Protein backbone atom coordinates (compact mmCIF):
# COMPACT_ATOMS: atom_id res chain seq x y z
CA UNK A 1 -42.24 11.36 -19.31
CA UNK A 2 -39.38 9.36 -17.42
CA UNK A 3 -35.91 11.08 -16.21
CA UNK A 4 -34.14 8.83 -18.38
CA UNK A 5 -35.43 10.53 -21.45
CA UNK A 6 -33.41 12.86 -21.10
CA UNK A 7 -30.59 11.76 -18.70
CA UNK A 8 -27.55 10.29 -19.80
CA UNK A 9 -28.17 7.16 -21.38
CA UNK A 10 -25.17 5.48 -20.96
CA UNK A 11 -25.75 5.57 -17.27
CA UNK A 12 -28.98 3.21 -17.70
CA UNK A 13 -27.03 0.26 -18.97
CA UNK A 14 -24.07 1.15 -16.70
CA UNK A 15 -23.28 -2.06 -14.22
CA UNK A 16 -23.08 -0.66 -10.68
CA UNK A 17 -20.03 -1.97 -8.77
CA UNK A 18 -20.64 -4.24 -5.99
CA UNK A 19 -18.08 -3.74 -3.23
CA UNK A 20 -17.79 -6.53 -0.12
CA UNK A 21 -20.89 -6.39 2.10
CA UNK A 22 -20.36 -4.10 5.56
CA UNK A 23 -20.64 -5.69 8.69
CA UNK A 24 -23.71 -4.00 9.64
CA UNK A 25 -25.67 -5.23 6.62
CA UNK A 26 -24.67 -8.68 7.35
CA UNK A 27 -25.77 -8.38 10.99
CA UNK A 28 -29.02 -6.60 10.08
CA UNK A 29 -29.62 -9.13 7.39
CA UNK A 30 -29.28 -12.57 9.43
CA UNK A 31 -29.70 -10.99 13.01
CA UNK A 32 -25.90 -11.61 13.78
CA UNK A 33 -23.96 -9.86 16.59
CA UNK A 34 -21.95 -7.27 14.33
CA UNK A 35 -19.01 -8.19 16.84
CA UNK A 36 -19.17 -11.72 16.02
CA UNK A 37 -18.42 -11.19 12.33
CA UNK A 38 -15.34 -11.03 10.71
CA UNK A 39 -14.88 -9.35 7.52
CA UNK A 40 -12.28 -10.72 5.03
CA UNK A 41 -13.87 -9.27 1.90
CA UNK A 42 -12.50 -6.05 0.94
CA UNK A 43 -8.64 -6.35 1.31
CA UNK A 44 -8.73 -3.92 4.38
CA UNK A 45 -5.63 -4.12 6.64
CA UNK A 46 -6.53 -6.03 9.57
CA UNK A 47 -4.05 -4.45 12.08
CA UNK A 48 -6.24 -1.32 11.15
CA UNK A 49 -4.99 2.15 10.91
CA UNK A 50 -1.45 3.40 11.82
CA UNK A 51 -1.41 4.65 15.28
CA UNK A 52 0.52 7.42 14.03
CA UNK A 53 -2.59 8.33 11.75
CA UNK A 54 -5.21 7.73 14.71
CA UNK A 55 -3.25 10.27 17.11
CA UNK A 56 -2.94 12.81 13.78
CA UNK A 57 -6.73 12.55 13.38
CA UNK A 58 -7.74 13.30 17.12
CA UNK A 59 -4.86 16.13 16.97
CA UNK A 60 -7.06 17.63 13.63
CA UNK A 61 -10.42 16.74 15.21
CA UNK A 62 -11.34 20.69 16.17
CA UNK A 63 -9.98 22.23 12.87
CA UNK A 64 -12.66 20.76 10.85
CA UNK A 65 -14.25 24.01 10.08
CA UNK A 66 -11.41 25.25 7.98
CA UNK A 67 -11.21 24.10 4.48
CA UNK A 68 -8.14 21.79 3.67
CA UNK A 69 -5.13 22.90 1.80
CA UNK A 70 -6.25 22.55 -1.71
CA UNK A 71 -2.89 21.63 -3.22
CA UNK A 72 -2.21 18.97 -0.11
CA UNK A 73 1.36 20.73 -0.50
CA UNK A 74 2.96 19.32 2.52
CA UNK A 75 1.59 15.82 2.24
CA UNK A 76 2.15 15.52 -1.13
CA UNK A 77 5.71 16.87 -0.76
CA UNK A 78 6.33 13.89 1.99
CA UNK A 79 4.91 11.53 -0.08
CA UNK A 80 7.01 12.31 -3.30
CA UNK A 81 10.31 12.51 -0.88
CA UNK A 82 9.31 9.23 0.55
CA UNK A 83 9.30 8.00 -3.63
CA UNK A 84 12.29 9.51 -4.54
CA UNK A 85 10.18 11.88 -6.85
CA UNK A 86 9.64 15.66 -7.12
CA UNK A 87 6.45 16.95 -6.07
CA UNK A 88 5.46 18.14 -9.71
CA UNK A 89 5.60 14.22 -10.60
CA UNK A 90 2.79 13.40 -7.65
CA UNK A 91 -1.13 13.94 -7.83
CA UNK A 92 -3.35 12.83 -4.82
CA UNK A 93 -6.77 11.36 -5.31
CA UNK A 94 -10.07 10.49 -3.30
CA UNK A 95 -8.66 6.78 -3.17
CA UNK A 96 -6.71 5.62 -6.24
CA UNK A 97 -10.32 5.14 -7.76
CA UNK A 98 -10.01 8.97 -8.45
CA UNK A 99 -7.07 8.97 -10.08
CA UNK A 100 -8.47 6.33 -12.58
CA UNK A 101 -11.77 8.93 -13.19
CA UNK A 102 -8.48 11.67 -14.12
CA UNK A 103 -6.95 9.09 -16.59
CA UNK A 104 -10.34 8.83 -18.33
CA UNK A 105 -11.18 12.52 -18.13
CA UNK A 106 -7.52 13.42 -19.17
CA UNK A 107 -7.27 11.23 -22.09
CA UNK A 108 -10.28 9.48 -23.65
CA UNK A 109 -12.84 10.99 -25.84
CA UNK A 110 -16.53 10.23 -26.02
CA UNK A 111 -17.44 7.91 -28.78
CA UNK A 112 -13.99 7.81 -30.20
CA UNK A 113 -11.39 6.31 -28.11
CA UNK A 114 -10.68 2.46 -26.70
CA UNK A 115 -8.69 1.42 -23.61
CA UNK A 116 -6.98 -2.01 -22.97
CA UNK A 117 -6.99 -3.86 -19.88
CA UNK A 118 -6.85 -7.83 -19.06
CA UNK A 119 -9.79 -10.03 -18.19
CA UNK A 120 -9.92 -10.62 -14.69
CA UNK A 121 -8.83 -7.35 -13.75
CA UNK A 122 -10.16 -4.63 -11.59
CA UNK A 123 -14.01 -3.94 -12.22
CA UNK A 124 -13.88 -0.50 -12.43
CA UNK A 125 -12.04 -0.05 -15.21
CA UNK A 126 -14.89 -1.51 -17.53
CA UNK A 127 -17.07 0.63 -15.50
CA UNK A 128 -15.18 3.98 -16.29
CA UNK A 129 -15.42 3.00 -19.95
CA UNK A 130 -19.10 2.48 -19.75
CA UNK A 131 -19.53 5.75 -18.02
CA UNK A 132 -17.29 7.54 -20.49
CA UNK A 133 -18.71 5.98 -23.87
CA UNK A 134 -15.38 4.89 -24.49
CA UNK A 135 -14.36 1.12 -26.23
CA UNK A 136 -13.49 -1.32 -23.78
CA UNK A 137 -10.85 -3.71 -24.97
CA UNK A 138 -10.62 -7.04 -22.75
CA UNK A 139 -7.78 -9.02 -23.35
CA UNK A 140 -7.82 -12.87 -22.48
CA UNK A 141 -6.01 -13.73 -19.49
CA UNK A 142 -2.84 -15.93 -18.79
CA UNK A 143 -3.00 -18.26 -15.66
CA UNK A 144 -5.59 -15.85 -14.07
CA UNK A 145 -3.15 -12.99 -14.79
CA UNK A 146 -1.95 -10.45 -17.74
CA UNK A 147 -0.86 -11.56 -21.09
CA UNK A 148 1.14 -8.47 -21.95
CA UNK A 149 2.29 -9.56 -25.65
CA UNK A 150 -1.43 -10.04 -26.50
CA UNK A 151 -2.62 -6.88 -24.66
CA UNK A 152 0.70 -4.98 -26.66
CA UNK A 153 -1.08 -6.71 -29.86
CA UNK A 154 -4.30 -5.31 -28.74
CA UNK A 155 -3.55 -1.89 -28.82
CA UNK A 156 -5.23 0.15 -31.62
CA UNK A 157 -4.59 3.61 -33.28
CA UNK A 158 -7.31 4.99 -31.08
CA UNK A 159 -6.26 3.52 -27.90
CA UNK A 160 -5.59 6.07 -24.84
CA UNK A 161 -4.88 3.92 -22.13
CA UNK A 162 -3.54 0.63 -21.12
CA UNK A 163 -4.68 -0.82 -17.55
CA UNK A 164 -2.03 -3.30 -15.84
CA UNK A 165 -2.76 -3.97 -12.40
CA UNK A 166 0.40 -5.41 -10.74
CA UNK A 167 -0.26 -7.34 -8.38
CA UNK A 168 -3.37 -8.10 -10.15
CA UNK A 169 -6.90 -7.47 -8.13
CA UNK A 170 -8.80 -9.99 -7.57
CA UNK A 171 -6.39 -12.83 -8.73
CA UNK A 172 -3.13 -11.85 -6.94
CA UNK A 173 -1.22 -12.79 -9.95
CA UNK A 174 1.88 -10.60 -11.04
CA UNK A 175 3.94 -10.21 -13.78
CA UNK A 176 7.80 -10.55 -13.77
CA UNK A 177 9.71 -7.27 -13.34
CA UNK A 178 11.45 -8.21 -16.75
CA UNK A 179 8.32 -8.73 -18.39
CA UNK A 180 6.81 -5.63 -17.23
CA UNK A 181 9.68 -3.81 -18.16
CA UNK A 182 10.05 -5.07 -21.87
CA UNK A 183 6.10 -3.81 -21.95
CA UNK A 184 6.55 -0.71 -20.43
CA UNK A 185 9.33 0.19 -23.11
CA UNK A 186 7.39 -1.60 -26.23
CA UNK A 187 3.82 0.34 -25.69
CA UNK A 188 3.66 3.15 -28.42
CA UNK A 189 4.21 6.93 -26.79
CA UNK A 190 0.76 8.00 -27.51
CA UNK A 191 -0.49 5.67 -24.73
CA UNK A 192 -0.70 6.04 -21.12
CA UNK A 193 -0.18 3.13 -19.28
CA UNK A 194 -2.24 2.96 -16.43
CA UNK A 195 -0.11 0.87 -13.81
CA UNK A 196 -2.40 0.07 -10.89
CA UNK A 197 0.13 -0.87 -8.15
CA UNK A 198 -2.58 -0.72 -5.09
CA UNK A 199 -0.78 -3.96 -3.56
CA UNK A 200 2.83 -2.97 -4.90
CA UNK A 201 3.94 -2.91 -0.77
CA UNK A 202 3.02 -6.75 -0.65
CA UNK A 203 5.50 -7.70 -3.41
CA UNK A 204 8.93 -9.22 -2.25
CA UNK A 205 10.26 -8.05 -5.23
CA UNK A 206 8.59 -4.77 -5.95
CA UNK A 207 9.38 -3.38 -9.88
CA UNK A 208 11.17 0.12 -10.05
CA UNK A 209 8.38 1.80 -11.47
CA UNK A 210 9.81 5.13 -10.33
CA UNK A 211 13.16 4.33 -12.17
CA UNK A 212 10.98 3.61 -15.27
CA UNK A 213 9.29 7.00 -14.98
CA UNK A 214 12.29 8.83 -14.71
CA UNK A 215 13.64 7.00 -17.83
CA UNK A 216 10.61 8.44 -19.81
CA UNK A 217 7.92 6.04 -20.00
CA UNK A 218 4.44 6.98 -20.24
CA UNK A 219 3.43 5.43 -16.80
CA UNK A 220 0.81 6.47 -14.60
CA UNK A 221 1.68 4.87 -11.27
CA UNK A 222 -1.41 4.76 -8.60
CA UNK A 223 -1.09 3.56 -4.99
CA UNK A 224 -3.16 3.54 -2.07
CA UNK A 225 -3.15 3.97 1.85
CA UNK A 226 -6.01 2.10 2.14
CA UNK A 227 -3.95 -1.30 2.01
CA UNK A 228 -0.99 -0.95 3.66
CA UNK A 229 -1.73 1.85 6.09
CA UNK A 230 -5.01 0.54 6.66
CA UNK A 231 -6.92 4.03 5.74
CA UNK A 232 -9.54 2.57 3.66
CA UNK A 233 -12.38 4.61 5.30
CA UNK A 234 -10.04 8.09 4.77
CA UNK A 235 -10.27 7.59 0.78
CA UNK A 236 -6.62 8.50 -0.05
CA UNK A 237 -4.47 7.20 -2.89
CA UNK A 238 -1.61 9.07 -5.43
CA UNK A 239 -0.33 8.54 -8.80
CA UNK A 240 3.34 9.14 -9.88
CA UNK A 241 4.39 10.10 -13.51
CA UNK A 242 6.40 12.75 -15.20
CA UNK A 243 5.46 16.31 -14.76
CA UNK A 244 3.61 17.00 -17.90
CA UNK A 245 1.19 13.89 -17.21
CA UNK A 246 0.69 14.80 -14.00
CA UNK A 247 -0.01 18.43 -15.36
CA UNK A 248 -2.96 17.17 -17.47
CA UNK A 249 -4.43 15.28 -14.35
CA UNK A 250 -4.53 18.01 -11.82
CA UNK A 251 -6.69 19.94 -14.58
CA UNK A 252 -9.18 17.29 -14.26
CA UNK A 253 -8.99 17.16 -10.60
CA UNK A 254 -11.68 19.34 -8.29
CA UNK A 255 -10.42 21.88 -5.69
CA UNK A 256 -9.98 20.15 -2.33
CA UNK A 257 -10.57 16.84 -3.45
CA UNK A 258 -8.51 15.67 -0.34
CA UNK A 259 -10.09 16.33 2.99
CA UNK A 260 -8.28 17.69 5.95
CA UNK A 261 -8.56 14.92 8.54
CA UNK A 262 -7.13 12.58 5.51
CA UNK A 263 -4.26 14.91 4.54
CA UNK A 264 -3.18 14.75 8.71
CA UNK A 265 -3.98 11.35 9.04
CA UNK A 266 -1.94 10.16 5.97
CA UNK A 267 0.85 12.53 6.83
CA UNK A 268 1.28 11.00 9.92
CA UNK A 269 1.25 7.55 8.17
CA UNK A 270 3.62 8.18 5.81
CA UNK A 271 6.43 8.24 8.16
CA UNK A 272 5.41 4.89 9.72
CA UNK A 273 7.39 2.39 8.57
CA UNK A 274 7.00 -0.35 11.99
CA UNK A 275 3.16 -0.44 10.69
CA UNK A 276 4.00 -0.94 7.43
CA UNK A 277 6.56 -3.86 8.38
CA UNK A 278 4.07 -5.23 11.07
CA UNK A 279 1.37 -5.59 7.88
CA UNK A 280 3.49 -6.98 5.62
CA UNK A 281 5.16 -9.53 7.81
CA UNK A 282 1.24 -10.63 8.96
CA UNK A 283 0.35 -10.70 5.47
CA UNK A 284 3.16 -13.04 4.40
CA UNK A 285 2.60 -15.59 7.24
CA UNK A 286 -1.43 -15.39 6.45
CA UNK A 287 -0.66 -16.26 2.91
CA UNK A 288 1.72 -19.05 3.68
CA UNK A 289 -0.69 -20.81 6.37
CA UNK A 290 -3.83 -20.16 4.04
CA UNK A 291 -2.21 -21.78 1.04
CA UNK A 292 -0.92 -24.86 3.24
CA UNK A 293 -4.67 -24.69 4.46
CA UNK A 294 -5.73 -25.13 0.51
CA UNK A 295 -3.28 -27.64 -0.17
CA UNK A 296 -4.14 -30.01 3.09
CA UNK A 297 -7.90 -30.13 2.34
CA UNK A 298 -7.54 -30.22 -1.31
CA UNK A 299 -8.99 -26.88 -2.25
CA UNK A 300 -7.66 -25.36 -5.60
CA UNK A 301 -5.93 -21.93 -4.84
CA UNK A 302 -4.38 -19.02 -6.92
CA UNK A 303 -0.84 -18.07 -5.83
CA UNK A 304 -0.99 -14.68 -4.51
CA UNK A 305 1.44 -11.64 -4.40
CA UNK A 306 -1.36 -9.10 -2.89
CA UNK A 307 -3.33 -9.27 0.58
CA UNK A 308 -5.53 -12.00 -0.49
CA UNK A 309 -5.98 -15.26 -1.83
CA UNK A 310 -8.74 -16.71 -4.37
CA UNK A 311 -9.69 -20.36 -3.68
CA UNK A 312 -12.16 -22.60 -5.72
CA UNK A 313 -15.30 -23.57 -3.60
CA UNK A 314 -17.18 -24.90 -6.82
CA UNK A 315 -20.41 -22.66 -6.22
CA UNK A 316 -18.81 -19.23 -4.92
CA UNK A 317 -22.06 -17.76 -4.10
CA UNK A 318 -23.41 -20.34 -2.17
CA UNK A 319 -20.58 -20.79 0.29
CA UNK A 320 -20.65 -16.71 0.30
CA UNK A 321 -24.33 -17.01 1.55
CA UNK A 322 -23.15 -19.82 3.83
CA UNK A 323 -20.28 -18.21 5.27
CA UNK A 324 -22.30 -15.16 6.03
CA UNK A 325 -24.55 -17.35 8.18
CA UNK A 326 -21.39 -18.24 10.05
CA UNK A 327 -20.28 -14.52 10.77
CA UNK A 328 -17.54 -14.73 8.00
CA UNK A 329 -17.62 -12.24 4.98
CA UNK A 330 -15.82 -13.00 2.06
CA UNK A 331 -16.09 -11.95 -1.52
CA UNK A 332 -17.71 -14.37 -4.39
CA UNK A 333 -15.81 -13.81 -7.74
CA UNK A 334 -19.17 -14.69 -9.53
CA UNK A 335 -19.34 -11.06 -10.68
CA UNK A 336 -16.10 -11.08 -12.26
CA UNK A 337 -16.61 -14.18 -14.42
CA UNK A 338 -15.43 -16.45 -11.94
CA UNK A 339 -18.54 -18.59 -10.17
CA UNK A 340 -16.36 -21.36 -8.80
CA UNK A 341 -14.25 -19.15 -7.03
CA UNK A 342 -14.15 -17.18 -3.64
CA UNK A 343 -11.41 -14.08 -2.49
CA UNK A 344 -10.43 -14.32 0.98
CA UNK A 345 -8.62 -10.95 2.34
CA UNK A 346 -5.63 -12.25 4.92
CA UNK A 347 -6.87 -11.48 8.58
CA UNK A 348 -5.53 -12.03 11.98
CA UNK A 349 -4.36 -15.54 13.02
CA UNK A 350 -7.97 -15.61 15.02
CA UNK A 351 -9.72 -14.43 11.92
CA UNK A 352 -8.22 -16.90 9.57
CA UNK A 353 -9.03 -19.78 12.07
CA UNK A 354 -12.65 -18.88 12.02
CA UNK A 355 -12.55 -18.31 8.33
CA UNK A 356 -11.04 -22.08 8.11
CA UNK A 357 -13.24 -23.54 10.46
CA UNK A 358 -16.09 -22.22 8.83
CA UNK A 359 -15.22 -22.84 5.25
CA UNK A 360 -14.68 -26.34 6.15
CA UNK A 361 -18.59 -26.56 7.86
CA UNK A 362 -19.71 -25.23 4.43
CA UNK A 363 -17.93 -27.60 2.22
């Protein structure tokens, strides 16, 4: 007898998420010095964590024998104040990925519900649908972005969630504020709009998501401290919504889902406006540089509003492998159905220079 004879049958065919390869793994595989490798694969902050967060973690280290505040009250209150909402309008997650899981727990029923998402959007939406045995309706993209009219038309009577990633991962595209606002207030009231805003802070003209929530839109806006504040290793994200939606999601949350170290570091990072602005400016300059580089060398690219850019290198897997041999880790988009494209995170000027030279060598 196999364990699969009595395990959840949905798991057997589940496609496992493939994250960007860690530096240590590439170093082991290729016999490279880890310090010589740069990672531009996972949209991490090249400046590292907020300095205030680092100091807060050092101070918190000797209290790790004590359970964290299960409600994360101080942190949640600080984030809510910064975003212009009340404590009851916010939920914290172990990364914004956990908020996505809460949404499936809270609003879908196994074998009965459907969710809608765009092609070339975050892979986790589909993986969760498979795990929860929920129909996944994938709508064709529009120039590597969301076709909101088509997504609205794809909503069925049993649709519970509609995922919109803005800016979009992995393509970097975004829809206009006007288009998004029209869509948000056109979606049926019994459908929750899961608005994934992991790259919200990199938008030069971000949408008024909080204002739309206050006007009654059924939005759960998901954001993260992994990107703008460089706390990816601590796994900390949050969701903004009306108090009723948050009440549903809170019932799906495990006690102590945000550890004490994460709470301390993020509380300090919330007030670090300098680190956020430095990150933004580095990113804007890096995007401009990479766009010019791509044009100069006739490499097709997709204009990005996030902290990464997609480049068409004709054979993504070969380029991905050959770049690793040169100590540069990027992300192949083959698993997203884009076998010609790689995704490159914006790094420091020195990292971008190394990537550019390595890519020219490979091509």
